[in-house]
Amino acid sequence: MGHPITPGGIMYFHQVDHKLVIPISSPVDRYGNTAKIDGVPTWMLSDNSYGDVAVAADGMSAAFTPNGTLTPLGGALQVVVTADADLGAGVKQIKGVGEFTLVAGEAVGLVMGFSDGGPF
């Protein structure tokens, strides 16, 4: 299931034990019509300490593999995609921004503690 990355951005909560696939559905013009771009889009993650991004050869998708670290409470990572909208020799940079927060995966165990309750 895809989640669009639009100029206004989106927020997405993602479990830290799953890969996140991020496709570009298509470049669009100001009316939402499919448009062309020049060259291969580039991708950037706001903080690479949370995992790795592998970009497809055509630049139209990427896969983020988390390393198990959760983003801080209220914090989010941004993925930024930039492309060239000028089909000629010039460059007109456009971008898409998406935000996501890494949350814990499914529980797999319980942590217990013991303390002395005093004499009875």
PDB file of N, CA and C in Angstrom:
ATOM      1  N   MET A   1       0.849  -1.160   0.000  1.00  0.00           N
ATOM      2  CA  MET A   1       0.000   0.000   0.000  1.00  0.00           C
ATOM      3  C   MET A   1       0.901   1.231   0.000  1.00  0.00           C
ATOM      4  N   GLY A   2       0.692   2.128  -0.930  1.00  0.00           N
ATOM      5  CA  GLY A   2       1.519   3.319  -1.038  1.00  0.00           C
ATOM      6  C   GLY A   2       0.937   4.495  -0.278  1.00  0.00           C
ATOM      7  N   HIS A   3       1.803   5.405   0.093  1.00  0.00           N
ATOM      8  CA  HIS A   3       1.404   6.646   0.750  1.00  0.00           C
ATOM      9  C   HIS A   3       2.019   7.783  -0.037  1.00  0.00           C
ATOM     10  N   PRO A   4       1.213   8.711  -0.543  1.00  0.00           N
ATOM     11  CA  PRO A   4       1.762   9.764  -1.402  1.00  0.00           C
ATOM     12  C   PRO A   4       2.663  10.724  -0.636  1.00  0.00           C
ATOM     13  N   ILE A   5       3.697  11.180  -1.299  1.00  0.00           N
ATOM     14  CA  ILE A   5       4.534  12.253  -0.779  1.00  0.00           C
ATOM     15  C   ILE A   5       4.231  13.462  -1.646  1.00  0.00           C
ATOM     16  N   THR A   6       3.609  14.457  -1.078  1.00  0.00           N
ATOM     17  CA  THR A   6       3.177  15.628  -1.819  1.00  0.00           C
ATOM     18  C   THR A   6       3.937  16.852  -1.334  1.00  0.00           C
ATOM     19  N   PRO A   7       3.894  17.951  -2.092  1.00  0.00           N
ATOM     20  CA  PRO A   7       4.621  19.144  -1.655  1.00  0.00           C
ATOM     21  C   PRO A   7       4.244  19.597  -0.251  1.00  0.00           C
ATOM     22  N   GLY A   8       3.017  19.376   0.178  1.00  0.00           N
ATOM     23  CA  GLY A   8       2.602  19.744   1.529  1.00  0.00           C
ATOM     24  C   GLY A   8       3.070  18.757   2.578  1.00  0.00           C
ATOM     25  N   GLY A   9       3.471  17.573   2.153  1.00  0.00           N
ATOM     26  CA  GLY A   9       3.965  16.561   3.077  1.00  0.00           C
ATOM     27  C   GLY A   9       2.851  15.773   3.746  1.00  0.00           C
ATOM     28  N   ILE A  10       3.204  14.648   4.360  1.00  0.00           N
ATOM     29  CA  ILE A  10       2.281  13.806   5.111  1.00  0.00           C
ATOM     30  C   ILE A  10       2.981  13.351   6.379  1.00  0.00           C
ATOM     31  N   MET A  11       2.216  12.831   7.335  1.00  0.00           N
ATOM     32  CA  MET A  11       2.818  12.215   8.524  1.00  0.00           C
ATOM     33  C   MET A  11       2.400  10.754   8.515  1.00  0.00           C
ATOM     34  N   TYR A  12       3.345   9.888   8.821  1.00  0.00           N
ATOM     35  CA  TYR A  12       3.109   8.461   8.778  1.00  0.00           C
ATOM     36  C   TYR A  12       3.815   7.833   9.971  1.00  0.00           C
ATOM     37  N   PHE A  13       3.151   6.925  10.665  1.00  0.00           N
ATOM     38  CA  PHE A  13       3.753   6.190  11.779  1.00  0.00           C
ATOM     39  C   PHE A  13       4.126   4.813  11.261  1.00  0.00           C
ATOM     40  N   HIS A  14       5.379   4.432  11.500  1.00  0.00           N
ATOM     41  CA  HIS A  14       5.883   3.189  10.919  1.00  0.00           C
ATOM     42  C   HIS A  14       6.583   2.351  11.981  1.00  0.00           C
ATOM     43  N   GLN A  15       6.267   1.057  12.008  1.00  0.00           N
ATOM     44  CA  GLN A  15       6.902   0.165  12.974  1.00  0.00           C
ATOM     45  C   GLN A  15       8.369  -0.027  12.631  1.00  0.00           C
ATOM     46  N   VAL A  16       9.188   0.017  13.677  1.00  0.00           N
ATOM     47  CA  VAL A  16      10.639  -0.005  13.530  1.00  0.00           C
ATOM     48  C   VAL A  16      11.166  -1.369  13.056  1.00  0.00           C
ATOM     49  N   ASP A  17      10.327  -2.392  13.069  1.00  0.00           N
ATOM     50  CA  ASP A  17      10.782  -3.719  12.642  1.00  0.00           C
ATOM     51  C   ASP A  17      10.289  -4.089  11.238  1.00  0.00           C
ATOM     52  N   HIS A  18       9.909  -3.098  10.442  1.00  0.00           N
ATOM     53  CA  HIS A  18       9.476  -3.317   9.063  1.00  0.00           C
ATOM     54  C   HIS A  18      10.190  -2.341   8.131  1.00  0.00           C
ATOM     55  N   LYS A  19      10.453  -2.793   6.922  1.00  0.00           N
ATOM     56  CA  LYS A  19      11.010  -1.921   5.890  1.00  0.00           C
ATOM     57  C   LYS A  19       9.897  -0.989   5.403  1.00  0.00           C
ATOM     58  N   LEU A  20      10.244   0.228   5.065  1.00  0.00           N
ATOM     59  CA  LEU A  20       9.291   1.205   4.551  1.00  0.00           C
ATOM     60  C   LEU A  20       9.628   1.487   3.093  1.00  0.00           C
ATOM     61  N   VAL A  21       8.698   1.181   2.187  1.00  0.00           N
ATOM     62  CA  VAL A  21       8.885   1.431   0.757  1.00  0.00           C
ATOM     63  C   VAL A  21       8.180   2.738   0.416  1.00  0.00           C
ATOM     64  N   ILE A  22       8.907   3.638  -0.261  1.00  0.00           N
ATOM     65  CA  ILE A  22       8.385   4.970  -0.555  1.00  0.00           C
ATOM     66  C   ILE A  22       8.454   5.204  -2.068  1.00  0.00           C
ATOM     67  N   PRO A  23       7.349   5.040  -2.782  1.00  0.00           N
ATOM     68  CA  PRO A  23       7.361   5.296  -4.225  1.00  0.00           C
ATOM     69  C   PRO A  23       6.928   6.730  -4.546  1.00  0.00           C
ATOM     70  N   ILE A  24       7.411   7.235  -5.662  1.00  0.00           N
ATOM     71  CA  ILE A  24       6.871   8.459  -6.234  1.00  0.00           C
ATOM     72  C   ILE A  24       5.820   7.990  -7.229  1.00  0.00           C
ATOM     73  N   SER A  25       4.556   8.305  -6.974  1.00  0.00           N
ATOM     74  CA  SER A  25       3.501   7.866  -7.895  1.00  0.00           C
ATOM     75  C   SER A  25       3.735   8.455  -9.278  1.00  0.00           C
ATOM     76  N   SER A  26       3.933   9.762  -9.342  1.00  0.00           N
ATOM     77  CA  SER A  26       4.299  10.435 -10.582  1.00  0.00           C
ATOM     78  C   SER A  26       4.548  11.903 -10.282  1.00  0.00           C
ATOM     79  N   PRO A  27       5.424  12.530 -11.062  1.00  0.00           N
ATOM     80  CA  PRO A  27       5.540  13.980 -10.965  1.00  0.00           C
ATOM     81  C   PRO A  27       4.241  14.595 -11.493  1.00  0.00           C
ATOM     82  N   VAL A  28       3.843  15.717 -10.928  1.00  0.00           N
ATOM     83  CA  VAL A  28       2.594  16.354 -11.360  1.00  0.00           C
ATOM     84  C   VAL A  28       2.795  17.846 -11.590  1.00  0.00           C
ATOM     85  N   ASP A  29       1.932  18.407 -12.449  1.00  0.00           N
ATOM     86  CA  ASP A  29       1.939  19.855 -12.647  1.00  0.00           C
ATOM     87  C   ASP A  29       1.025  20.504 -11.610  1.00  0.00           C
ATOM     88  N   ARG A  30       0.849  21.805 -11.680  1.00  0.00           N
ATOM     89  CA  ARG A  30       0.069  22.505 -10.654  1.00  0.00           C
ATOM     90  C   ARG A  30      -1.398  22.119 -10.641  1.00  0.00           C
ATOM     91  N   TYR A  31      -1.872  21.429 -11.679  1.00  0.00           N
ATOM     92  CA  TYR A  31      -3.261  20.977 -11.728  1.00  0.00           C
ATOM     93  C   TYR A  31      -3.413  19.505 -11.356  1.00  0.00           C
ATOM     94  N   GLY A  32      -2.300  18.863 -11.001  1.00  0.00           N
ATOM     95  CA  GLY A  32      -2.342  17.456 -10.636  1.00  0.00           C
ATOM     96  C   GLY A  32      -2.188  16.500 -11.800  1.00  0.00           C
ATOM     97  N   ASN A  33      -1.905  17.032 -13.001  1.00  0.00           N
ATOM     98  CA  ASN A  33      -1.703  16.187 -14.181  1.00  0.00           C
ATOM     99  C   ASN A  33      -0.304  15.583 -14.143  1.00  0.00           C
ATOM    100  N   THR A  34      -0.175  14.373 -14.650  1.00  0.00           N
ATOM    101  CA  THR A  34       1.131  13.731 -14.735  1.00  0.00           C
ATOM    102  C   THR A  34       2.056  14.578 -15.606  1.00  0.00           C
ATOM    103  N   ALA A  35       3.255  14.813 -15.128  1.00  0.00           N
ATOM    104  CA  ALA A  35       4.234  15.627 -15.846  1.00  0.00           C
ATOM    105  C   ALA A  35       5.553  14.867 -15.942  1.00  0.00           C
ATOM    106  N   LYS A  36       6.491  15.405 -16.717  1.00  0.00           N
ATOM    107  CA  LYS A  36       7.795  14.768 -16.880  1.00  0.00           C
ATOM    108  C   LYS A  36       8.840  15.514 -16.068  1.00  0.00           C
ATOM    109  N   ILE A  37       9.895  14.783 -15.721  1.00  0.00           N
ATOM    110  CA  ILE A  37      11.058  15.381 -15.070  1.00  0.00           C
ATOM    111  C   ILE A  37      12.288  15.012 -15.881  1.00  0.00           C
ATOM    112  N   ASP A  38      13.356  15.754 -15.654  1.00  0.00           N
ATOM    113  CA  ASP A  38      14.609  15.528 -16.361  1.00  0.00           C
ATOM    114  C   ASP A  38      15.576  14.808 -15.422  1.00  0.00           C
ATOM    115  N   GLY A  39      16.042  13.659 -15.819  1.00  0.00           N
ATOM    116  CA  GLY A  39      17.019  12.930 -15.017  1.00  0.00           C
ATOM    117  C   GLY A  39      16.393  12.094 -13.919  1.00  0.00           C
ATOM    118  N   VAL A  40      17.229  11.726 -12.967  1.00  0.00           N
ATOM    119  CA  VAL A  40      16.844  10.823 -11.877  1.00  0.00           C
ATOM    120  C   VAL A  40      16.670  11.625 -10.585  1.00  0.00           C
ATOM    121  N   PRO A  41      15.546  11.482  -9.897  1.00  0.00           N
ATOM    122  CA  PRO A  41      15.359  12.170  -8.614  1.00  0.00           C
ATOM    123  C   PRO A  41      16.416  11.741  -7.594  1.00  0.00           C
ATOM    124  N   THR A  42      16.724  12.639  -6.662  1.00  0.00           N
ATOM    125  CA  THR A  42      17.647  12.323  -5.576  1.00  0.00           C
ATOM    126  C   THR A  42      16.884  12.301  -4.257  1.00  0.00           C
ATOM    127  N   TRP A  43      17.352  11.501  -3.334  1.00  0.00           N
ATOM    128  CA  TRP A  43      16.682  11.284  -2.055  1.00  0.00           C
ATOM    129  C   TRP A  43      17.605  11.644  -0.898  1.00  0.00           C
ATOM    130  N   MET A  44      17.014  12.176   0.174  1.00  0.00           N
ATOM    131  CA  MET A  44      17.780  12.499   1.370  1.00  0.00           C
ATOM    132  C   MET A  44      16.917  12.212   2.600  1.00  0.00           C
ATOM    133  N   LEU A  45      17.531  11.655   3.625  1.00  0.00           N
ATOM    134  CA  LEU A  45      16.872  11.410   4.900  1.00  0.00           C
ATOM    135  C   LEU A  45      17.392  12.436   5.893  1.00  0.00           C
ATOM    136  N   SER A  46      16.520  12.995   6.721  1.00  0.00           N
ATOM    137  CA  SER A  46      16.928  14.059   7.642  1.00  0.00           C
ATOM    138  C   SER A  46      17.938  13.595   8.686  1.00  0.00           C
ATOM    139  N   ASP A  47      17.940  12.314   9.028  1.00  0.00           N
ATOM    140  CA  ASP A  47      18.893  11.804  10.019  1.00  0.00           C
ATOM    141  C   ASP A  47      19.194  10.342   9.699  1.00  0.00           C
ATOM    142  N   ASN A  48      20.382  10.089   9.166  1.00  0.00           N
ATOM    143  CA  ASN A  48      20.756   8.734   8.752  1.00  0.00           C
ATOM    144  C   ASN A  48      21.073   7.801   9.905  1.00  0.00           C
ATOM    145  N   SER A  49      21.052   8.295  11.147  1.00  0.00           N
ATOM    146  CA  SER A  49      21.379   7.425  12.282  1.00  0.00           C
ATOM    147  C   SER A  49      20.240   6.464  12.630  1.00  0.00           C
ATOM    148  N   TYR A  50      19.083   6.601  11.982  1.00  0.00           N
ATOM    149  CA  TYR A  50      17.945   5.720  12.257  1.00  0.00           C
ATOM    150  C   TYR A  50      17.823   4.555  11.285  1.00  0.00           C
ATOM    151  N   GLY A  51      18.617   4.545  10.244  1.00  0.00           N
ATOM    152  CA  GLY A  51      18.556   3.449   9.287  1.00  0.00           C
ATOM    153  C   GLY A  51      19.146   3.844   7.953  1.00  0.00           C
ATOM    154  N   ASP A  52      18.947   2.980   6.968  1.00  0.00           N
ATOM    155  CA  ASP A  52      19.520   3.160   5.635  1.00  0.00           C
ATOM    156  C   ASP A  52      18.424   3.330   4.590  1.00  0.00           C
ATOM    157  N   VAL A  53      18.716   4.158   3.582  1.00  0.00           N
ATOM    158  CA  VAL A  53      17.812   4.349   2.451  1.00  0.00           C
ATOM    159  C   VAL A  53      18.485   3.789   1.212  1.00  0.00           C
ATOM    160  N   ALA A  54      17.791   2.890   0.531  1.00  0.00           N
ATOM    161  CA  ALA A  54      18.271   2.332  -0.735  1.00  0.00           C
ATOM    162  C   ALA A  54      17.359   2.863  -1.835  1.00  0.00           C
ATOM    163  N   VAL A  55      17.931   3.593  -2.773  1.00  0.00           N
ATOM    164  CA  VAL A  55      17.167   4.226  -3.855  1.00  0.00           C
ATOM    165  C   VAL A  55      17.202   3.339  -5.089  1.00  0.00           C
ATOM    166  N   ALA A  56      16.050   3.200  -5.751  1.00  0.00           N
ATOM    167  CA  ALA A  56      15.972   2.427  -6.993  1.00  0.00           C
ATOM    168  C   ALA A  56      16.806   3.120  -8.072  1.00  0.00           C
ATOM    169  N   ALA A  57      17.266   2.363  -9.057  1.00  0.00           N
ATOM    170  CA  ALA A  57      18.127   2.895 -10.114  1.00  0.00           C
ATOM    171  C   ALA A  57      17.476   4.057 -10.866  1.00  0.00           C
ATOM    172  N   ASP A  58      16.156   4.012 -11.033  1.00  0.00           N
ATOM    173  CA  ASP A  58      15.476   5.093 -11.751  1.00  0.00           C
ATOM    174  C   ASP A  58      15.103   6.262 -10.843  1.00  0.00           C
ATOM    175  N   GLY A  59      15.377   6.144  -9.535  1.00  0.00           N
ATOM    176  CA  GLY A  59      15.092   7.211  -8.586  1.00  0.00           C
ATOM    177  C   GLY A  59      13.626   7.396  -8.250  1.00  0.00           C
ATOM    178  N   MET A  60      12.759   6.547  -8.767  1.00  0.00           N
ATOM    179  CA  MET A  60      11.321   6.734  -8.569  1.00  0.00           C
ATOM    180  C   MET A  60      10.788   6.045  -7.319  1.00  0.00           C
ATOM    181  N   SER A  61      11.655   5.399  -6.565  1.00  0.00           N
ATOM    182  CA  SER A  61      11.256   4.815  -5.286  1.00  0.00           C
ATOM    183  C   SER A  61      12.496   4.611  -4.429  1.00  0.00           C
ATOM    184  N   ALA A  62      12.241   4.422  -3.151  1.00  0.00           N
ATOM    185  CA  ALA A  62      13.316   4.126  -2.211  1.00  0.00           C
ATOM    186  C   ALA A  62      12.761   3.220  -1.127  1.00  0.00           C
ATOM    187  N   ALA A  63      13.653   2.511  -0.453  1.00  0.00           N
ATOM    188  CA  ALA A  63      13.267   1.658   0.664  1.00  0.00           C
ATOM    189  C   ALA A  63      14.102   2.075   1.878  1.00  0.00           C
ATOM    190  N   PHE A  64      13.430   2.350   2.983  1.00  0.00           N
ATOM    191  CA  PHE A  64      14.094   2.706   4.228  1.00  0.00           C
ATOM    192  C   PHE A  64      14.084   1.479   5.130  1.00  0.00           C
ATOM    193  N   THR A  65      15.265   1.069   5.593  1.00  0.00           N
ATOM    194  CA  THR A  65      15.388  -0.053   6.513  1.00  0.00           C
ATOM    195  C   THR A  65      15.812   0.491   7.870  1.00  0.00           C
ATOM    196  N   PRO A  66      14.895   0.493   8.862  1.00  0.00           N
ATOM    197  CA  PRO A  66      15.239   1.010  10.188  1.00  0.00           C
ATOM    198  C   PRO A  66      16.280   0.134  10.870  1.00  0.00           C
ATOM    199  N   ASN A  67      17.034   0.742  11.790  1.00  0.00           N
ATOM    200  CA  ASN A  67      18.040  -0.032  12.526  1.00  0.00           C
ATOM    201  C   ASN A  67      17.561  -0.407  13.928  1.00  0.00           C
ATOM    202  N   GLY A  68      16.301  -0.106  14.258  1.00  0.00           N
ATOM    203  CA  GLY A  68      15.740  -0.482  15.554  1.00  0.00           C
ATOM    204  C   GLY A  68      15.600   0.671  16.525  1.00  0.00           C
ATOM    205  N   THR A  69      16.160   1.828  16.207  1.00  0.00           N
ATOM    206  CA  THR A  69      16.075   2.987  17.088  1.00  0.00           C
ATOM    207  C   THR A  69      14.765   3.723  16.855  1.00  0.00           C
ATOM    208  N   LEU A  70      14.071   4.069  17.935  1.00  0.00           N
ATOM    209  CA  LEU A  70      12.825   4.824  17.828  1.00  0.00           C
ATOM    210  C   LEU A  70      13.124   6.317  17.737  1.00  0.00           C
ATOM    211  N   THR A  71      12.310   7.041  16.996  1.00  0.00           N
ATOM    212  CA  THR A  71      12.437   8.495  16.991  1.00  0.00           C
ATOM    213  C   THR A  71      11.931   9.008  18.333  1.00  0.00           C
ATOM    214  N   PRO A  72      12.482  10.118  18.833  1.00  0.00           N
ATOM    215  CA  PRO A  72      12.045  10.638  20.136  1.00  0.00           C
ATOM    216  C   PRO A  72      10.556  10.980  20.124  1.00  0.00           C
ATOM    217  N   LEU A  73       9.957  10.985  21.309  1.00  0.00           N
ATOM    218  CA  LEU A  73       8.547  11.322  21.436  1.00  0.00           C
ATOM    219  C   LEU A  73       8.293  12.666  20.777  1.00  0.00           C
ATOM    220  N   GLY A  74       7.345  12.697  19.878  1.00  0.00           N
ATOM    221  CA  GLY A  74       7.033  13.926  19.168  1.00  0.00           C
ATOM    222  C   GLY A  74       7.972  14.229  18.019  1.00  0.00           C
ATOM    223  N   GLY A  75       8.980  13.394  17.811  1.00  0.00           N
ATOM    224  CA  GLY A  75       9.945  13.629  16.745  1.00  0.00           C
ATOM    225  C   GLY A  75       9.584  12.873  15.485  1.00  0.00           C
ATOM    226  N   ALA A  76      10.135  13.311  14.377  1.00  0.00           N
ATOM    227  CA  ALA A  76       9.860  12.653  13.106  1.00  0.00           C
ATOM    228  C   ALA A  76      11.092  12.742  12.219  1.00  0.00           C
ATOM    229  N   LEU A  77      11.176  11.836  11.289  1.00  0.00           N
ATOM    230  CA  LEU A  77      12.195  11.878  10.251  1.00  0.00           C
ATOM    231  C   LEU A  77      11.557  12.432   8.991  1.00  0.00           C
ATOM    232  N   GLN A  78      12.338  13.127   8.201  1.00  0.00           N
ATOM    233  CA  GLN A  78      11.854  13.613   6.919  1.00  0.00           C
ATOM    234  C   GLN A  78      12.620  12.929   5.813  1.00  0.00           C
ATOM    235  N   VAL A  79      11.890  12.560   4.772  1.00  0.00           N
ATOM    236  CA  VAL A  79      12.512  12.098   3.549  1.00  0.00           C
ATOM    237  C   VAL A  79      12.191  13.172   2.506  1.00  0.00           C
ATOM    238  N   VAL A  80      13.244  13.633   1.816  1.00  0.00           N
ATOM    239  CA  VAL A  80      13.096  14.696   0.829  1.00  0.00           C
ATOM    240  C   VAL A  80      13.555  14.153  -0.520  1.00  0.00           C
ATOM    241  N   VAL A  81      12.702  14.306  -1.529  1.00  0.00           N
ATOM    242  CA  VAL A  81      13.022  13.891  -2.887  1.00  0.00           C
ATOM    243  C   VAL A  81      13.092  15.151  -3.743  1.00  0.00           C
ATOM    244  N   THR A  82      14.173  15.302  -4.490  1.00  0.00           N
ATOM    245  CA  THR A  82      14.286  16.448  -5.387  1.00  0.00           C
ATOM    246  C   THR A  82      14.452  15.952  -6.815  1.00  0.00           C
ATOM    247  N   ALA A  83      13.924  16.750  -7.736  1.00  0.00           N
ATOM    248  CA  ALA A  83      14.010  16.412  -9.154  1.00  0.00           C
ATOM    249  C   ALA A  83      14.107  17.706  -9.959  1.00  0.00           C
ATOM    250  N   ASP A  84      14.495  17.570 -11.222  1.00  0.00           N
ATOM    251  CA  ASP A  84      14.623  18.694 -12.143  1.00  0.00           C
ATOM    252  C   ASP A  84      13.395  18.740 -13.045  1.00  0.00           C
ATOM    253  N   ALA A  85      12.618  19.821 -12.935  1.00  0.00           N
ATOM    254  CA  ALA A  85      11.404  19.970 -13.743  1.00  0.00           C
ATOM    255  C   ALA A  85      11.681  20.601 -15.103  1.00  0.00           C
ATOM    256  N   ASP A  86      12.858  21.181 -15.300  1.00  0.00           N
ATOM    257  CA  ASP A  86      13.218  21.809 -16.576  1.00  0.00           C
ATOM    258  C   ASP A  86      13.704  20.713 -17.526  1.00  0.00           C
ATOM    259  N   LEU A  87      12.969  20.482 -18.599  1.00  0.00           N
ATOM    260  CA  LEU A  87      13.322  19.400 -19.526  1.00  0.00           C
ATOM    261  C   LEU A  87      14.440  19.789 -20.479  1.00  0.00           C
ATOM    262  N   GLY A  88      14.927  21.016 -20.398  1.00  0.00           N
ATOM    263  CA  GLY A  88      16.020  21.469 -21.255  1.00  0.00           C
ATOM    264  C   GLY A  88      17.340  21.466 -20.511  1.00  0.00           C
ATOM    265  N   ALA A  89      18.207  22.399 -20.909  1.00  0.00           N
ATOM    266  CA  ALA A  89      19.550  22.481 -20.337  1.00  0.00           C
ATOM    267  C   ALA A  89      19.553  23.094 -18.943  1.00  0.00           C
ATOM    268  N   GLY A  90      18.523  23.854 -18.604  1.00  0.00           N
ATOM    269  CA  GLY A  90      18.462  24.496 -17.291  1.00  0.00           C
ATOM    270  C   GLY A  90      18.041  23.531 -16.199  1.00  0.00           C
ATOM    271  N   VAL A  91      17.973  24.065 -14.981  1.00  0.00           N
ATOM    272  CA  VAL A  91      17.541  23.275 -13.835  1.00  0.00           C
ATOM    273  C   VAL A  91      16.466  24.059 -13.086  1.00  0.00           C
ATOM    274  N   LYS A  92      15.334  23.415 -12.852  1.00  0.00           N
ATOM    275  CA  LYS A  92      14.285  23.973 -12.004  1.00  0.00           C
ATOM    276  C   LYS A  92      13.945  22.894 -10.980  1.00  0.00           C
ATOM    277  N   GLN A  93      14.464  23.078  -9.771  1.00  0.00           N
ATOM    278  CA  GLN A  93      14.330  22.049  -8.748  1.00  0.00           C
ATOM    279  C   GLN A  93      12.917  22.041  -8.150  1.00  0.00           C
ATOM    280  N   ILE A  94      12.358  20.844  -8.083  1.00  0.00           N
ATOM    281  CA  ILE A  94      11.095  20.622  -7.367  1.00  0.00           C
ATOM    282  C   ILE A  94      11.376  19.587  -6.294  1.00  0.00           C
ATOM    283  N   LYS A  95      10.516  19.550  -5.272  1.00  0.00           N
ATOM    284  CA  LYS A  95      10.752  18.552  -4.226  1.00  0.00           C
ATOM    285  C   LYS A  95       9.447  18.040  -3.648  1.00  0.00           C
ATOM    286  N   GLY A  96       9.555  16.877  -3.064  1.00  0.00           N
ATOM    287  CA  GLY A  96       8.491  16.264  -2.288  1.00  0.00           C
ATOM    288  C   GLY A  96       9.040  15.965  -0.909  1.00  0.00           C
ATOM    289  N   VAL A  97       8.226  16.186   0.115  1.00  0.00           N
ATOM    290  CA  VAL A  97       8.664  15.968   1.493  1.00  0.00           C
ATOM    291  C   VAL A  97       7.646  15.086   2.194  1.00  0.00           C
ATOM    292  N   GLY A  98       8.115  14.068   2.871  1.00  0.00           N
ATOM    293  CA  GLY A  98       7.254  13.219   3.687  1.00  0.00           C
ATOM    294  C   GLY A  98       7.870  13.065   5.065  1.00  0.00           C
ATOM    295  N   GLU A  99       7.028  12.991   6.076  1.00  0.00           N
ATOM    296  CA  GLU A  99       7.504  12.794   7.446  1.00  0.00           C
ATOM    297  C   GLU A  99       6.975  11.484   7.985  1.00  0.00           C
ATOM    298  N   PHE A 100       7.807  10.823   8.764  1.00  0.00           N
ATOM    299  CA  PHE A 100       7.355   9.610   9.434  1.00  0.00           C
ATOM    300  C   PHE A 100       8.025   9.490  10.786  1.00  0.00           C
ATOM    301  N   THR A 101       7.327   8.837  11.685  1.00  0.00           N
ATOM    302  CA  THR A 101       7.813   8.584  13.034  1.00  0.00           C
ATOM    303  C   THR A 101       7.973   7.077  13.197  1.00  0.00           C
ATOM    304  N   LEU A 102       9.098   6.672  13.756  1.00  0.00           N
ATOM    305  CA  LEU A 102       9.330   5.257  14.010  1.00  0.00           C
ATOM    306  C   LEU A 102       8.776   4.892  15.380  1.00  0.00           C
ATOM    307  N   VAL A 103       7.883   3.916  15.400  1.00  0.00           N
ATOM    308  CA  VAL A 103       7.261   3.460  16.638  1.00  0.00           C
ATOM    309  C   VAL A 103       7.658   2.007  16.873  1.00  0.00           C
ATOM    310  N   ALA A 104       7.465   1.543  18.095  1.00  0.00           N
ATOM    311  CA  ALA A 104       7.840   0.174  18.467  1.00  0.00           C
ATOM    312  C   ALA A 104       7.093  -0.847  17.624  1.00  0.00           C
ATOM    313  N   GLY A 105       7.751  -1.964  17.410  1.00  0.00           N
ATOM    314  CA  GLY A 105       7.124  -3.077  16.708  1.00  0.00           C
ATOM    315  C   GLY A 105       6.215  -3.859  17.648  1.00  0.00           C
ATOM    316  N   GLU A 106       5.741  -4.990  17.186  1.00  0.00           N
ATOM    317  CA  GLU A 106       4.873  -5.854  17.984  1.00  0.00           C
ATOM    318  C   GLU A 106       5.631  -6.397  19.192  1.00  0.00           C
ATOM    319  N   ALA A 107       4.966  -6.429  20.326  1.00  0.00           N
ATOM    320  CA  ALA A 107       5.579  -6.950  21.557  1.00  0.00           C
ATOM    321  C   ALA A 107       5.969  -8.419  21.367  1.00  0.00           C
ATOM    322  N   VAL A 108       7.152  -8.779  21.884  1.00  0.00           N
ATOM    323  CA  VAL A 108       7.625 -10.162  21.790  1.00  0.00           C
ATOM    324  C   VAL A 108       8.006 -10.732  23.147  1.00  0.00           C
ATOM    325  N   GLY A 109       7.871  -9.947  24.197  1.00  0.00           N
ATOM    326  CA  GLY A 109       8.229 -10.430  25.533  1.00  0.00           C
ATOM    327  C   GLY A 109       7.788  -9.440  26.592  1.00  0.00           C
ATOM    328  N   LEU A 110       8.068  -9.789  27.852  1.00  0.00           N
ATOM    329  CA  LEU A 110       7.720  -8.945  28.992  1.00  0.00           C
ATOM    330  C   LEU A 110       8.956  -8.732  29.843  1.00  0.00           C
ATOM    331  N   VAL A 111       9.134  -7.523  30.331  1.00  0.00           N
ATOM    332  CA  VAL A 111      10.234  -7.210  31.233  1.00  0.00           C
ATOM    333  C   VAL A 111       9.645  -7.148  32.633  1.00  0.00           C
ATOM    334  N   MET A 112      10.238  -7.876  33.569  1.00  0.00           N
ATOM    335  CA  MET A 112       9.727  -7.907  34.943  1.00  0.00           C
ATOM    336  C   MET A 112      10.807  -7.429  35.889  1.00  0.00           C
ATOM    337  N   GLY A 113      10.366  -6.901  37.010  1.00  0.00           N
ATOM    338  CA  GLY A 113      11.302  -6.490  38.055  1.00  0.00           C
ATOM    339  C   GLY A 113      10.843  -7.033  39.394  1.00  0.00           C
ATOM    340  N   PHE A 114      11.782  -7.180  40.321  1.00  0.00           N
ATOM    341  CA  PHE A 114      11.480  -7.666  41.655  1.00  0.00           C
ATOM    342  C   PHE A 114      11.939  -6.622  42.663  1.00  0.00           C
ATOM    343  N   SER A 115      11.160  -6.471  43.735  1.00  0.00           N
ATOM    344  CA  SER A 115      11.581  -5.579  44.812  1.00  0.00           C
ATOM    345  C   SER A 115      11.130  -6.177  46.150  1.00  0.00           C
ATOM    346  N   ASP A 116      11.877  -5.864  47.185  1.00  0.00           N
ATOM    347  CA  ASP A 116      11.566  -6.348  48.520  1.00  0.00           C
ATOM    348  C   ASP A 116      10.356  -5.582  49.023  1.00  0.00           C
ATOM    349  N   GLY A 117       9.311  -6.293  49.374  1.00  0.00           N
ATOM    350  CA  GLY A 117       8.093  -5.676  49.904  1.00  0.00           C
ATOM    351  C   GLY A 117       8.109  -5.473  51.392  1.00  0.00           C
ATOM    352  N   GLY A 118       9.198  -5.826  52.080  1.00  0.00           N
ATOM    353  CA  GLY A 118       9.300  -5.672  53.518  1.00  0.00           C
ATOM    354  C   GLY A 118       8.768  -6.885  54.254  1.00  0.00           C
ATOM    355  N   PRO A 119       8.937  -6.900  55.562  1.00  0.00           N
ATOM    356  CA  PRO A 119       8.475  -8.069  56.341  1.00  0.00           C
ATOM    357  C   PRO A 119       6.950  -8.151  56.323  1.00  0.00           C
ATOM    358  N   PHE A 120       6.459  -9.350  56.571  1.00  0.00           N
ATOM    359  CA  PHE A 120       5.003  -9.548  56.687  1.00  0.00           C
ATOM    360  C   PHE A 120       4.630 -10.154  57.994  1.00  0.00           C
TER     361      PHE A 120
END
